[in-house]
Amino acid sequence: MISSITSFTMLQSDITVASYWVTNPLNTLIRNRAAGGDFYGFWYEIKPNPDGPSATPDICPTGMQLGPSRDNIAHSHVRFGLRIFVLSSRQYPCLPTQNETFIDPYSLNPSI
């Protein structure tokens, strides 16, 4: 079981802490426990592209589908047990989600 508390002496991301911080939606989360944290139990913070040493425009996590997740427990968190921030699963993750020149602007890149 993991519990996480806020730290005001480190990075900005340490202020809004999560017991499990997931940046790639394709990760598999099975039988994990999070309890008694200051913010989130499981936080899927999905960015448009990876940053840091893995930075590349060729991978688009916000357009990927959510990977397997089962038998996870989060309780007694100040904010949320589960937070998924910006996920719009598309057939083609790195292409634009819409094209306003078509009658159905989402027809070229439908959601999955």
PDB file of N, CA and C in Angstrom:
ATOM      1  N   MET A   1       0.846  -1.169   0.000  1.00  0.00           N
ATOM      2  CA  MET A   1       0.000   0.000   0.000  1.00  0.00           C
ATOM      3  C   MET A   1       0.895   1.236   0.000  1.00  0.00           C
ATOM      4  N   ILE A   2       0.497   2.235  -0.772  1.00  0.00           N
ATOM      5  CA  ILE A   2       1.288   3.459  -0.890  1.00  0.00           C
ATOM      6  C   ILE A   2       0.447   4.651  -0.452  1.00  0.00           C
ATOM      7  N   SER A   3       1.039   5.555   0.310  1.00  0.00           N
ATOM      8  CA  SER A   3       0.424   6.816   0.672  1.00  0.00           C
ATOM      9  C   SER A   3       1.393   7.916   0.274  1.00  0.00           C
ATOM     10  N   SER A   4       0.878   9.037  -0.199  1.00  0.00           N
ATOM     11  CA  SER A   4       1.749  10.123  -0.646  1.00  0.00           C
ATOM     12  C   SER A   4       1.284  11.442  -0.057  1.00  0.00           C
ATOM     13  N   ILE A   5       2.257  12.268   0.349  1.00  0.00           N
ATOM     14  CA  ILE A   5       1.939  13.561   0.937  1.00  0.00           C
ATOM     15  C   ILE A   5       2.633  14.668   0.153  1.00  0.00           C
ATOM     16  N   THR A   6       2.077  15.842   0.225  1.00  0.00           N
ATOM     17  CA  THR A   6       2.581  17.003  -0.490  1.00  0.00           C
ATOM     18  C   THR A   6       3.939  17.442   0.039  1.00  0.00           C
ATOM     19  N   SER A   7       4.816  17.827  -0.884  1.00  0.00           N
ATOM     20  CA  SER A   7       6.110  18.397  -0.528  1.00  0.00           C
ATOM     21  C   SER A   7       6.212  19.773  -1.174  1.00  0.00           C
ATOM     22  N   PHE A   8       6.513  20.777  -0.383  1.00  0.00           N
ATOM     23  CA  PHE A   8       6.634  22.135  -0.918  1.00  0.00           C
ATOM     24  C   PHE A   8       8.086  22.529  -1.177  1.00  0.00           C
ATOM     25  N   THR A   9       8.998  21.587  -1.075  1.00  0.00           N
ATOM     26  CA  THR A   9      10.422  21.902  -1.231  1.00  0.00           C
ATOM     27  C   THR A   9      11.032  21.353  -2.509  1.00  0.00           C
ATOM     28  N   MET A  10      10.194  20.752  -3.369  1.00  0.00           N
ATOM     29  CA  MET A  10      10.741  20.112  -4.560  1.00  0.00           C
ATOM     30  C   MET A  10      10.134  20.724  -5.823  1.00  0.00           C
ATOM     31  N   LEU A  11       9.815  19.903  -6.802  1.00  0.00           N
ATOM     32  CA  LEU A  11       9.256  20.360  -8.070  1.00  0.00           C
ATOM     33  C   LEU A  11       7.781  20.691  -7.957  1.00  0.00           C
ATOM     34  N   GLN A  12       7.260  21.432  -8.925  1.00  0.00           N
ATOM     35  CA  GLN A  12       5.842  21.775  -8.955  1.00  0.00           C
ATOM     36  C   GLN A  12       4.969  20.517  -8.937  1.00  0.00           C
ATOM     37  N   SER A  13       5.394  19.468  -9.632  1.00  0.00           N
ATOM     38  CA  SER A  13       4.603  18.236  -9.673  1.00  0.00           C
ATOM     39  C   SER A  13       4.546  17.547  -8.307  1.00  0.00           C
ATOM     40  N   ASP A  14       5.444  17.860  -7.401  1.00  0.00           N
ATOM     41  CA  ASP A  14       5.422  17.268  -6.070  1.00  0.00           C
ATOM     42  C   ASP A  14       4.380  17.908  -5.157  1.00  0.00           C
ATOM     43  N   ILE A  15       3.836  19.034  -5.556  1.00  0.00           N
ATOM     44  CA  ILE A  15       2.820  19.706  -4.745  1.00  0.00           C
ATOM     45  C   ILE A  15       1.469  19.010  -4.894  1.00  0.00           C
ATOM     46  N   THR A  16       1.139  18.552  -6.099  1.00  0.00           N
ATOM     47  CA  THR A  16      -0.091  17.789  -6.326  1.00  0.00           C
ATOM     48  C   THR A  16       0.301  16.336  -6.563  1.00  0.00           C
ATOM     49  N   VAL A  17       0.527  15.622  -5.496  1.00  0.00           N
ATOM     50  CA  VAL A  17       1.116  14.283  -5.551  1.00  0.00           C
ATOM     51  C   VAL A  17       0.082  13.202  -5.859  1.00  0.00           C
ATOM     52  N   ALA A  18       0.587  12.095  -6.364  1.00  0.00           N
ATOM     53  CA  ALA A  18      -0.219  10.902  -6.604  1.00  0.00           C
ATOM     54  C   ALA A  18       0.568   9.681  -6.146  1.00  0.00           C
ATOM     55  N   SER A  19      -0.134   8.715  -5.610  1.00  0.00           N
ATOM     56  CA  SER A  19       0.530   7.469  -5.232  1.00  0.00           C
ATOM     57  C   SER A  19       1.040   6.750  -6.473  1.00  0.00           C
ATOM     58  N   TYR A  20       0.236   6.766  -7.547  1.00  0.00           N
ATOM     59  CA  TYR A  20       0.632   6.201  -8.834  1.00  0.00           C
ATOM     60  C   TYR A  20       0.436   7.279  -9.886  1.00  0.00           C
ATOM     61  N   TRP A  21       1.513   7.728 -10.486  1.00  0.00           N
ATOM     62  CA  TRP A  21       1.484   8.784 -11.501  1.00  0.00           C
ATOM     63  C   TRP A  21       1.798   8.131 -12.834  1.00  0.00           C
ATOM     64  N   VAL A  22       0.810   8.079 -13.720  1.00  0.00           N
ATOM     65  CA  VAL A  22       0.934   7.375 -14.990  1.00  0.00           C
ATOM     66  C   VAL A  22       0.912   8.393 -16.127  1.00  0.00           C
ATOM     67  N   THR A  23       1.930   8.364 -16.979  1.00  0.00           N
ATOM     68  CA  THR A  23       1.986   9.312 -18.091  1.00  0.00           C
ATOM     69  C   THR A  23       1.757   8.653 -19.447  1.00  0.00           C
ATOM     70  N   ASN A  24       1.703   7.338 -19.491  1.00  0.00           N
ATOM     71  CA  ASN A  24       1.405   6.614 -20.727  1.00  0.00           C
ATOM     72  C   ASN A  24       0.158   5.774 -20.490  1.00  0.00           C
ATOM     73  N   PRO A  25      -0.942   6.065 -21.192  1.00  0.00           N
ATOM     74  CA  PRO A  25      -2.191   5.356 -20.928  1.00  0.00           C
ATOM     75  C   PRO A  25      -2.138   3.868 -21.252  1.00  0.00           C
ATOM     76  N   LEU A  26      -1.157   3.409 -22.035  1.00  0.00           N
ATOM     77  CA  LEU A  26      -1.070   1.997 -22.382  1.00  0.00           C
ATOM     78  C   LEU A  26      -0.502   1.130 -21.257  1.00  0.00           C
ATOM     79  N   ASN A  27      -0.050   1.735 -20.157  1.00  0.00           N
ATOM     80  CA  ASN A  27       0.463   0.959 -19.028  1.00  0.00           C
ATOM     81  C   ASN A  27      -0.628   0.046 -18.472  1.00  0.00           C
ATOM     82  N   THR A  28      -0.207  -1.080 -17.910  1.00  0.00           N
ATOM     83  CA  THR A  28      -1.111  -2.027 -17.271  1.00  0.00           C
ATOM     84  C   THR A  28      -1.029  -1.841 -15.761  1.00  0.00           C
ATOM     85  N   LEU A  29      -2.175  -1.608 -15.125  1.00  0.00           N
ATOM     86  CA  LEU A  29      -2.240  -1.463 -13.674  1.00  0.00           C
ATOM     87  C   LEU A  29      -3.153  -2.542 -13.120  1.00  0.00           C
ATOM     88  N   ILE A  30      -2.586  -3.497 -12.377  1.00  0.00           N
ATOM     89  CA  ILE A  30      -3.347  -4.610 -11.822  1.00  0.00           C
ATOM     90  C   ILE A  30      -2.943  -4.815 -10.365  1.00  0.00           C
ATOM     91  N   ARG A  31      -3.963  -4.891  -9.487  1.00  0.00           N
ATOM     92  CA  ARG A  31      -3.809  -5.177  -8.051  1.00  0.00           C
ATOM     93  C   ARG A  31      -2.872  -4.207  -7.328  1.00  0.00           C
ATOM     94  N   ASN A  32      -3.105  -2.926  -7.495  1.00  0.00           N
ATOM     95  CA  ASN A  32      -2.334  -1.903  -6.782  1.00  0.00           C
ATOM     96  C   ASN A  32      -3.197  -1.295  -5.690  1.00  0.00           C
ATOM     97  N   ARG A  33      -2.573  -0.762  -4.653  1.00  0.00           N
ATOM     98  CA  ARG A  33      -3.277  -0.153  -3.519  1.00  0.00           C
ATOM     99  C   ARG A  33      -2.700   1.227  -3.250  1.00  0.00           C
ATOM    100  N   ALA A  34      -3.588   2.188  -2.998  1.00  0.00           N
ATOM    101  CA  ALA A  34      -3.180   3.545  -2.625  1.00  0.00           C
ATOM    102  C   ALA A  34      -4.142   4.036  -1.555  1.00  0.00           C
ATOM    103  N   ALA A  35      -3.609   4.550  -0.461  1.00  0.00           N
ATOM    104  CA  ALA A  35      -4.483   4.982   0.633  1.00  0.00           C
ATOM    105  C   ALA A  35      -3.896   6.179   1.366  1.00  0.00           C
ATOM    106  N   GLY A  36      -4.779   7.111   1.741  1.00  0.00           N
ATOM    107  CA  GLY A  36      -4.430   8.197   2.635  1.00  0.00           C
ATOM    108  C   GLY A  36      -3.505   9.261   2.086  1.00  0.00           C
ATOM    109  N   GLY A  37      -3.551   9.545   0.794  1.00  0.00           N
ATOM    110  CA  GLY A  37      -2.686  10.562   0.215  1.00  0.00           C
ATOM    111  C   GLY A  37      -3.316  11.942   0.222  1.00  0.00           C
ATOM    112  N   ASP A  38      -2.484  12.958   0.008  1.00  0.00           N
ATOM    113  CA  ASP A  38      -2.959  14.340   0.005  1.00  0.00           C
ATOM    114  C   ASP A  38      -3.742  14.720  -1.251  1.00  0.00           C
ATOM    115  N   PHE A  39      -3.486  14.073  -2.387  1.00  0.00           N
ATOM    116  CA  PHE A  39      -4.197  14.446  -3.610  1.00  0.00           C
ATOM    117  C   PHE A  39      -4.847  13.255  -4.295  1.00  0.00           C
ATOM    118  N   TYR A  40      -4.082  12.471  -5.073  1.00  0.00           N
ATOM    119  CA  TYR A  40      -4.676  11.441  -5.923  1.00  0.00           C
ATOM    120  C   TYR A  40      -4.097  10.064  -5.610  1.00  0.00           C
ATOM    121  N   GLY A  41      -4.933   9.043  -5.749  1.00  0.00           N
ATOM    122  CA  GLY A  41      -4.452   7.674  -5.661  1.00  0.00           C
ATOM    123  C   GLY A  41      -3.784   7.275  -6.965  1.00  0.00           C
ATOM    124  N   PHE A  42      -4.555   7.344  -8.061  1.00  0.00           N
ATOM    125  CA  PHE A  42      -4.055   7.035  -9.395  1.00  0.00           C
ATOM    126  C   PHE A  42      -4.285   8.261 -10.259  1.00  0.00           C
ATOM    127  N   TRP A  43      -3.237   8.810 -10.816  1.00  0.00           N
ATOM    128  CA  TRP A  43      -3.342  10.003 -11.659  1.00  0.00           C
ATOM    129  C   TRP A  43      -2.754   9.699 -13.020  1.00  0.00           C
ATOM    130  N   TYR A  44      -3.618   9.645 -14.009  1.00  0.00           N
ATOM    131  CA  TYR A  44      -3.179   9.533 -15.400  1.00  0.00           C
ATOM    132  C   TYR A  44      -3.012  10.957 -15.915  1.00  0.00           C
ATOM    133  N   GLU A  45      -1.788  11.460 -15.919  1.00  0.00           N
ATOM    134  CA  GLU A  45      -1.508  12.790 -16.468  1.00  0.00           C
ATOM    135  C   GLU A  45      -0.943  12.572 -17.870  1.00  0.00           C
ATOM    136  N   ILE A  46      -1.829  12.662 -18.842  1.00  0.00           N
ATOM    137  CA  ILE A  46      -1.473  12.328 -20.212  1.00  0.00           C
ATOM    138  C   ILE A  46      -1.126  13.605 -20.968  1.00  0.00           C
ATOM    139  N   LYS A  47       0.119  13.715 -21.401  1.00  0.00           N
ATOM    140  CA  LYS A  47       0.589  14.889 -22.142  1.00  0.00           C
ATOM    141  C   LYS A  47       0.524  14.612 -23.643  1.00  0.00           C
ATOM    142  N   PRO A  48       0.496  15.655 -24.461  1.00  0.00           N
ATOM    143  CA  PRO A  48       0.435  15.456 -25.917  1.00  0.00           C
ATOM    144  C   PRO A  48       1.597  14.625 -26.460  1.00  0.00           C
ATOM    145  N   ASN A  49       2.798  14.818 -25.912  1.00  0.00           N
ATOM    146  CA  ASN A  49       3.988  14.073 -26.338  1.00  0.00           C
ATOM    147  C   ASN A  49       4.882  13.861 -25.124  1.00  0.00           C
ATOM    148  N   PRO A  50       5.689  12.805 -25.135  1.00  0.00           N
ATOM    149  CA  PRO A  50       6.643  12.612 -24.034  1.00  0.00           C
ATOM    150  C   PRO A  50       7.623  13.784 -23.951  1.00  0.00           C
ATOM    151  N   ASP A  51       8.065  14.084 -22.734  1.00  0.00           N
ATOM    152  CA  ASP A  51       9.075  15.130 -22.579  1.00  0.00           C
ATOM    153  C   ASP A  51      10.286  14.546 -21.856  1.00  0.00           C
ATOM    154  N   GLY A  52      11.254  15.374 -21.577  1.00  0.00           N
ATOM    155  CA  GLY A  52      12.469  14.909 -20.919  1.00  0.00           C
ATOM    156  C   GLY A  52      13.334  14.076 -21.853  1.00  0.00           C
ATOM    157  N   PRO A  53      14.079  13.108 -21.318  1.00  0.00           N
ATOM    158  CA  PRO A  53      14.979  12.299 -22.141  1.00  0.00           C
ATOM    159  C   PRO A  53      14.252  11.486 -23.220  1.00  0.00           C
ATOM    160  N   SER A  54      12.954  11.223 -23.026  1.00  0.00           N
ATOM    161  CA  SER A  54      12.185  10.428 -23.996  1.00  0.00           C
ATOM    162  C   SER A  54      11.392  11.300 -24.966  1.00  0.00           C
ATOM    163  N   ALA A  55      11.680  12.589 -25.037  1.00  0.00           N
ATOM    164  CA  ALA A  55      10.901  13.511 -25.864  1.00  0.00           C
ATOM    165  C   ALA A  55      10.911  13.109 -27.338  1.00  0.00           C
ATOM    166  N   THR A  56       9.721  13.086 -27.927  1.00  0.00           N
ATOM    167  CA  THR A  56       9.568  12.812 -29.355  1.00  0.00           C
ATOM    168  C   THR A  56       8.169  13.236 -29.801  1.00  0.00           C
ATOM    169  N   PRO A  57       8.048  13.818 -31.005  1.00  0.00           N
ATOM    170  CA  PRO A  57       6.716  14.159 -31.512  1.00  0.00           C
ATOM    171  C   PRO A  57       6.019  12.964 -32.167  1.00  0.00           C
ATOM    172  N   ASP A  58       6.710  11.828 -32.271  1.00  0.00           N
ATOM    173  CA  ASP A  58       6.156  10.650 -32.943  1.00  0.00           C
ATOM    174  C   ASP A  58       5.279   9.779 -32.056  1.00  0.00           C
ATOM    175  N   ILE A  59       5.214  10.066 -30.775  1.00  0.00           N
ATOM    176  CA  ILE A  59       4.361   9.335 -29.837  1.00  0.00           C
ATOM    177  C   ILE A  59       3.373  10.333 -29.244  1.00  0.00           C
ATOM    178  N   CYS A  60       2.092  10.004 -29.297  1.00  0.00           N
ATOM    179  CA  CYS A  60       1.033  10.933 -28.876  1.00  0.00           C
ATOM    180  C   CYS A  60       0.125  10.271 -27.840  1.00  0.00           C
ATOM    181  N   PRO A  61       0.508  10.272 -26.563  1.00  0.00           N
ATOM    182  CA  PRO A  61      -0.258   9.589 -25.529  1.00  0.00           C
ATOM    183  C   PRO A  61      -1.715  10.044 -25.388  1.00  0.00           C
ATOM    184  N   THR A  62      -2.020  11.322 -25.616  1.00  0.00           N
ATOM    185  CA  THR A  62      -3.402  11.770 -25.446  1.00  0.00           C
ATOM    186  C   THR A  62      -4.358  11.094 -26.415  1.00  0.00           C
ATOM    187  N   GLY A  63      -3.852  10.573 -27.531  1.00  0.00           N
ATOM    188  CA  GLY A  63      -4.706   9.905 -28.495  1.00  0.00           C
ATOM    189  C   GLY A  63      -4.739   8.398 -28.361  1.00  0.00           C
ATOM    190  N   MET A  64      -3.949   7.845 -27.423  1.00  0.00           N
ATOM    191  CA  MET A  64      -3.894   6.391 -27.242  1.00  0.00           C
ATOM    192  C   MET A  64      -5.061   5.905 -26.399  1.00  0.00           C
ATOM    193  N   GLN A  65      -5.337   4.613 -26.499  1.00  0.00           N
ATOM    194  CA  GLN A  65      -6.387   4.048 -25.663  1.00  0.00           C
ATOM    195  C   GLN A  65      -5.841   3.692 -24.287  1.00  0.00           C
ATOM    196  N   LEU A  66      -6.734   3.550 -23.342  1.00  0.00           N
ATOM    197  CA  LEU A  66      -6.374   3.206 -21.975  1.00  0.00           C
ATOM    198  C   LEU A  66      -6.046   1.716 -21.889  1.00  0.00           C
ATOM    199  N   GLY A  67      -4.926   1.392 -21.268  1.00  0.00           N
ATOM    200  CA  GLY A  67      -4.511   0.001 -21.112  1.00  0.00           C
ATOM    201  C   GLY A  67      -5.303  -0.709 -20.027  1.00  0.00           C
ATOM    202  N   PRO A  68      -5.035  -1.992 -19.822  1.00  0.00           N
ATOM    203  CA  PRO A  68      -5.764  -2.774 -18.821  1.00  0.00           C
ATOM    204  C   PRO A  68      -5.587  -2.220 -17.412  1.00  0.00           C
ATOM    205  N   SER A  69      -6.677  -2.184 -16.674  1.00  0.00           N
ATOM    206  CA  SER A  69      -6.651  -1.728 -15.290  1.00  0.00           C
ATOM    207  C   SER A  69      -7.742  -2.480 -14.531  1.00  0.00           C
ATOM    208  N   ARG A  70      -7.332  -3.243 -13.510  1.00  0.00           N
ATOM    209  CA  ARG A  70      -8.332  -3.982 -12.733  1.00  0.00           C
ATOM    210  C   ARG A  70      -7.801  -4.285 -11.327  1.00  0.00           C
ATOM    211  N   ASP A  71      -8.740  -4.487 -10.426  1.00  0.00           N
ATOM    212  CA  ASP A  71      -8.444  -4.850  -9.036  1.00  0.00           C
ATOM    213  C   ASP A  71      -7.528  -3.846  -8.338  1.00  0.00           C
ATOM    214  N   ASN A  72      -7.669  -2.557  -8.682  1.00  0.00           N
ATOM    215  CA  ASN A  72      -6.919  -1.492  -8.017  1.00  0.00           C
ATOM    216  C   ASN A  72      -7.815  -0.846  -6.969  1.00  0.00           C
ATOM    217  N   ILE A  73      -7.231  -0.406  -5.874  1.00  0.00           N
ATOM    218  CA  ILE A  73      -8.000   0.223  -4.800  1.00  0.00           C
ATOM    219  C   ILE A  73      -7.334   1.534  -4.415  1.00  0.00           C
ATOM    220  N   ALA A  74      -8.153   2.588  -4.306  1.00  0.00           N
ATOM    221  CA  ALA A  74      -7.685   3.881  -3.795  1.00  0.00           C
ATOM    222  C   ALA A  74      -8.746   4.398  -2.825  1.00  0.00           C
ATOM    223  N   HIS A  75      -8.339   4.730  -1.622  1.00  0.00           N
ATOM    224  CA  HIS A  75      -9.295   5.281  -0.660  1.00  0.00           C
ATOM    225  C   HIS A  75      -8.627   6.278   0.277  1.00  0.00           C
ATOM    226  N   SER A  76      -9.453   7.110   0.897  1.00  0.00           N
ATOM    227  CA  SER A  76      -9.025   8.095   1.895  1.00  0.00           C
ATOM    228  C   SER A  76      -8.049   9.120   1.340  1.00  0.00           C
ATOM    229  N   HIS A  77      -8.256   9.530   0.097  1.00  0.00           N
ATOM    230  CA  HIS A  77      -7.446  10.595  -0.490  1.00  0.00           C
ATOM    231  C   HIS A  77      -8.191  11.919  -0.344  1.00  0.00           C
ATOM    232  N   VAL A  78      -7.449  13.002  -0.178  1.00  0.00           N
ATOM    233  CA  VAL A  78      -8.058  14.315   0.010  1.00  0.00           C
ATOM    234  C   VAL A  78      -8.822  14.747  -1.246  1.00  0.00           C
ATOM    235  N   ARG A  79      -8.274  14.467  -2.436  1.00  0.00           N
ATOM    236  CA  ARG A  79      -8.917  14.887  -3.679  1.00  0.00           C
ATOM    237  C   ARG A  79      -9.691  13.744  -4.328  1.00  0.00           C
ATOM    238  N   PHE A  80      -9.010  12.926  -5.126  1.00  0.00           N
ATOM    239  CA  PHE A  80      -9.667  11.864  -5.886  1.00  0.00           C
ATOM    240  C   PHE A  80      -8.876  10.564  -5.797  1.00  0.00           C
ATOM    241  N   GLY A  81      -9.582   9.449  -5.856  1.00  0.00           N
ATOM    242  CA  GLY A  81      -8.922   8.159  -5.948  1.00  0.00           C
ATOM    243  C   GLY A  81      -8.372   7.917  -7.343  1.00  0.00           C
ATOM    244  N   LEU A  82      -9.093   8.428  -8.359  1.00  0.00           N
ATOM    245  CA  LEU A  82      -8.675   8.272  -9.755  1.00  0.00           C
ATOM    246  C   LEU A  82      -8.898   9.587 -10.482  1.00  0.00           C
ATOM    247  N   ARG A  83      -7.870  10.044 -11.172  1.00  0.00           N
ATOM    248  CA  ARG A  83      -7.988  11.238 -12.015  1.00  0.00           C
ATOM    249  C   ARG A  83      -7.331  10.932 -13.353  1.00  0.00           C
ATOM    250  N   ILE A  84      -8.095  11.101 -14.423  1.00  0.00           N
ATOM    251  CA  ILE A  84      -7.562  10.947 -15.775  1.00  0.00           C
ATOM    252  C   ILE A  84      -7.640  12.316 -16.417  1.00  0.00           C
ATOM    253  N   PHE A  85      -6.487  12.898 -16.705  1.00  0.00           N
ATOM    254  CA  PHE A  85      -6.428  14.255 -17.221  1.00  0.00           C
ATOM    255  C   PHE A  85      -5.972  14.248 -18.672  1.00  0.00           C
ATOM    256  N   VAL A  86      -6.881  14.571 -19.536  1.00  0.00           N
ATOM    257  CA  VAL A  86      -6.726  14.714 -20.980  1.00  0.00           C
ATOM    258  C   VAL A  86      -6.401  13.370 -21.644  1.00  0.00           C
ATOM    259  N   LEU A  87      -7.459  12.694 -22.042  1.00  0.00           N
ATOM    260  CA  LEU A  87      -7.337  11.459 -22.804  1.00  0.00           C
ATOM    261  C   LEU A  87      -8.449  11.464 -23.831  1.00  0.00           C
ATOM    262  N   SER A  88      -8.096  11.384 -25.093  1.00  0.00           N
ATOM    263  CA  SER A  88      -9.054  11.397 -26.193  1.00  0.00           C
ATOM    264  C   SER A  88      -8.633  10.320 -27.192  1.00  0.00           C
ATOM    265  N   SER A  89      -8.909   9.073 -26.852  1.00  0.00           N
ATOM    266  CA  SER A  89      -8.452   7.935 -27.651  1.00  0.00           C
ATOM    267  C   SER A  89      -8.964   8.024 -29.083  1.00  0.00           C
ATOM    268  N   ARG A  90      -8.042   7.951 -30.022  1.00  0.00           N
ATOM    269  CA  ARG A  90      -8.350   8.075 -31.446  1.00  0.00           C
ATOM    270  C   ARG A  90      -7.733   6.931 -32.228  1.00  0.00           C
ATOM    271  N   GLN A  91      -8.302   6.662 -33.392  1.00  0.00           N
ATOM    272  CA  GLN A  91      -7.776   5.607 -34.251  1.00  0.00           C
ATOM    273  C   GLN A  91      -6.338   5.902 -34.668  1.00  0.00           C
ATOM    274  N   TYR A  92      -6.050   7.175 -34.943  1.00  0.00           N
ATOM    275  CA  TYR A  92      -4.700   7.613 -35.314  1.00  0.00           C
ATOM    276  C   TYR A  92      -4.243   8.650 -34.281  1.00  0.00           C
ATOM    277  N   PRO A  93      -3.567   8.219 -33.206  1.00  0.00           N
ATOM    278  CA  PRO A  93      -3.266   9.095 -32.074  1.00  0.00           C
ATOM    279  C   PRO A  93      -2.561  10.403 -32.403  1.00  0.00           C
ATOM    280  N   CYS A  94      -1.675  10.434 -33.403  1.00  0.00           N
ATOM    281  CA  CYS A  94      -0.894  11.640 -33.670  1.00  0.00           C
ATOM    282  C   CYS A  94      -1.505  12.561 -34.728  1.00  0.00           C
ATOM    283  N   LEU A  95      -2.620  12.167 -35.314  1.00  0.00           N
ATOM    284  CA  LEU A  95      -3.286  13.045 -36.286  1.00  0.00           C
ATOM    285  C   LEU A  95      -4.285  13.945 -35.572  1.00  0.00           C
ATOM    286  N   PRO A  96      -4.636  15.089 -36.167  1.00  0.00           N
ATOM    287  CA  PRO A  96      -5.630  15.965 -35.543  1.00  0.00           C
ATOM    288  C   PRO A  96      -6.949  15.224 -35.299  1.00  0.00           C
ATOM    289  N   THR A  97      -7.646  15.609 -34.234  1.00  0.00           N
ATOM    290  CA  THR A  97      -8.896  14.928 -33.896  1.00  0.00           C
ATOM    291  C   THR A  97     -10.054  15.333 -34.802  1.00  0.00           C
ATOM    292  N   GLN A  98      -9.961  16.489 -35.442  1.00  0.00           N
ATOM    293  CA  GLN A  98     -11.079  16.924 -36.285  1.00  0.00           C
ATOM    294  C   GLN A  98     -10.597  17.711 -37.486  1.00  0.00           C
ATOM    295  N   ASN A  99     -11.468  17.745 -38.508  1.00  0.00           N
ATOM    296  CA  ASN A  99     -11.227  18.520 -39.719  1.00  0.00           C
ATOM    297  C   ASN A  99     -12.536  19.223 -40.062  1.00  0.00           C
ATOM    298  N   GLU A 100     -12.611  20.508 -39.829  1.00  0.00           N
ATOM    299  CA  GLU A 100     -13.851  21.286 -39.974  1.00  0.00           C
ATOM    300  C   GLU A 100     -14.323  21.426 -41.425  1.00  0.00           C
ATOM    301  N   THR A 101     -13.520  21.001 -42.397  1.00  0.00           N
ATOM    302  CA  THR A 101     -13.946  21.111 -43.794  1.00  0.00           C
ATOM    303  C   THR A 101     -14.895  19.974 -44.200  1.00  0.00           C
ATOM    304  N   PHE A 102     -15.061  18.961 -43.341  1.00  0.00           N
ATOM    305  CA  PHE A 102     -15.956  17.848 -43.620  1.00  0.00           C
ATOM    306  C   PHE A 102     -17.282  18.028 -42.885  1.00  0.00           C
ATOM    307  N   ILE A 103     -18.341  17.388 -43.391  1.00  0.00           N
ATOM    308  CA  ILE A 103     -19.650  17.435 -42.728  1.00  0.00           C
ATOM    309  C   ILE A 103     -19.538  16.834 -41.334  1.00  0.00           C
ATOM    310  N   ASP A 104     -18.888  15.681 -41.237  1.00  0.00           N
ATOM    311  CA  ASP A 104     -18.584  15.084 -39.935  1.00  0.00           C
ATOM    312  C   ASP A 104     -17.103  15.346 -39.661  1.00  0.00           C
ATOM    313  N   PRO A 105     -16.772  16.357 -38.859  1.00  0.00           N
ATOM    314  CA  PRO A 105     -15.375  16.747 -38.673  1.00  0.00           C
ATOM    315  C   PRO A 105     -14.505  15.676 -38.009  1.00  0.00           C
ATOM    316  N   TYR A 106     -15.110  14.659 -37.411  1.00  0.00           N
ATOM    317  CA  TYR A 106     -14.346  13.617 -36.730  1.00  0.00           C
ATOM    318  C   TYR A 106     -14.232  12.332 -37.553  1.00  0.00           C
ATOM    319  N   SER A 107     -14.698  12.354 -38.796  1.00  0.00           N
ATOM    320  CA  SER A 107     -14.750  11.125 -39.589  1.00  0.00           C
ATOM    321  C   SER A 107     -13.367  10.603 -40.014  1.00  0.00           C
ATOM    322  N   LEU A 108     -12.369  11.460 -40.148  1.00  0.00           N
ATOM    323  CA  LEU A 108     -11.045  11.003 -40.582  1.00  0.00           C
ATOM    324  C   LEU A 108     -10.227  10.381 -39.435  1.00  0.00           C
ATOM    325  N   ASN A 109     -10.585  10.714 -38.193  1.00  0.00           N
ATOM    326  CA  ASN A 109      -9.865  10.181 -37.040  1.00  0.00           C
ATOM    327  C   ASN A 109     -10.867   9.872 -35.925  1.00  0.00           C
ATOM    328  N   PRO A 110     -11.658   8.798 -36.109  1.00  0.00           N
ATOM    329  CA  PRO A 110     -12.711   8.500 -35.123  1.00  0.00           C
ATOM    330  C   PRO A 110     -12.151   8.067 -33.771  1.00  0.00           C
ATOM    331  N   SER A 111     -12.958   8.267 -32.746  1.00  0.00           N
ATOM    332  CA  SER A 111     -12.569   7.815 -31.404  1.00  0.00           C
ATOM    333  C   SER A 111     -12.698   6.296 -31.315  1.00  0.00           C
ATOM    334  N   ILE A 112     -11.948   5.730 -30.365  1.00  0.00           N
ATOM    335  CA  ILE A 112     -12.009   4.282 -30.139  1.00  0.00           C
ATOM    336  C   ILE A 112     -12.381   4.011 -28.697  1.00  0.00           C
TER     337      ILE A 112
END
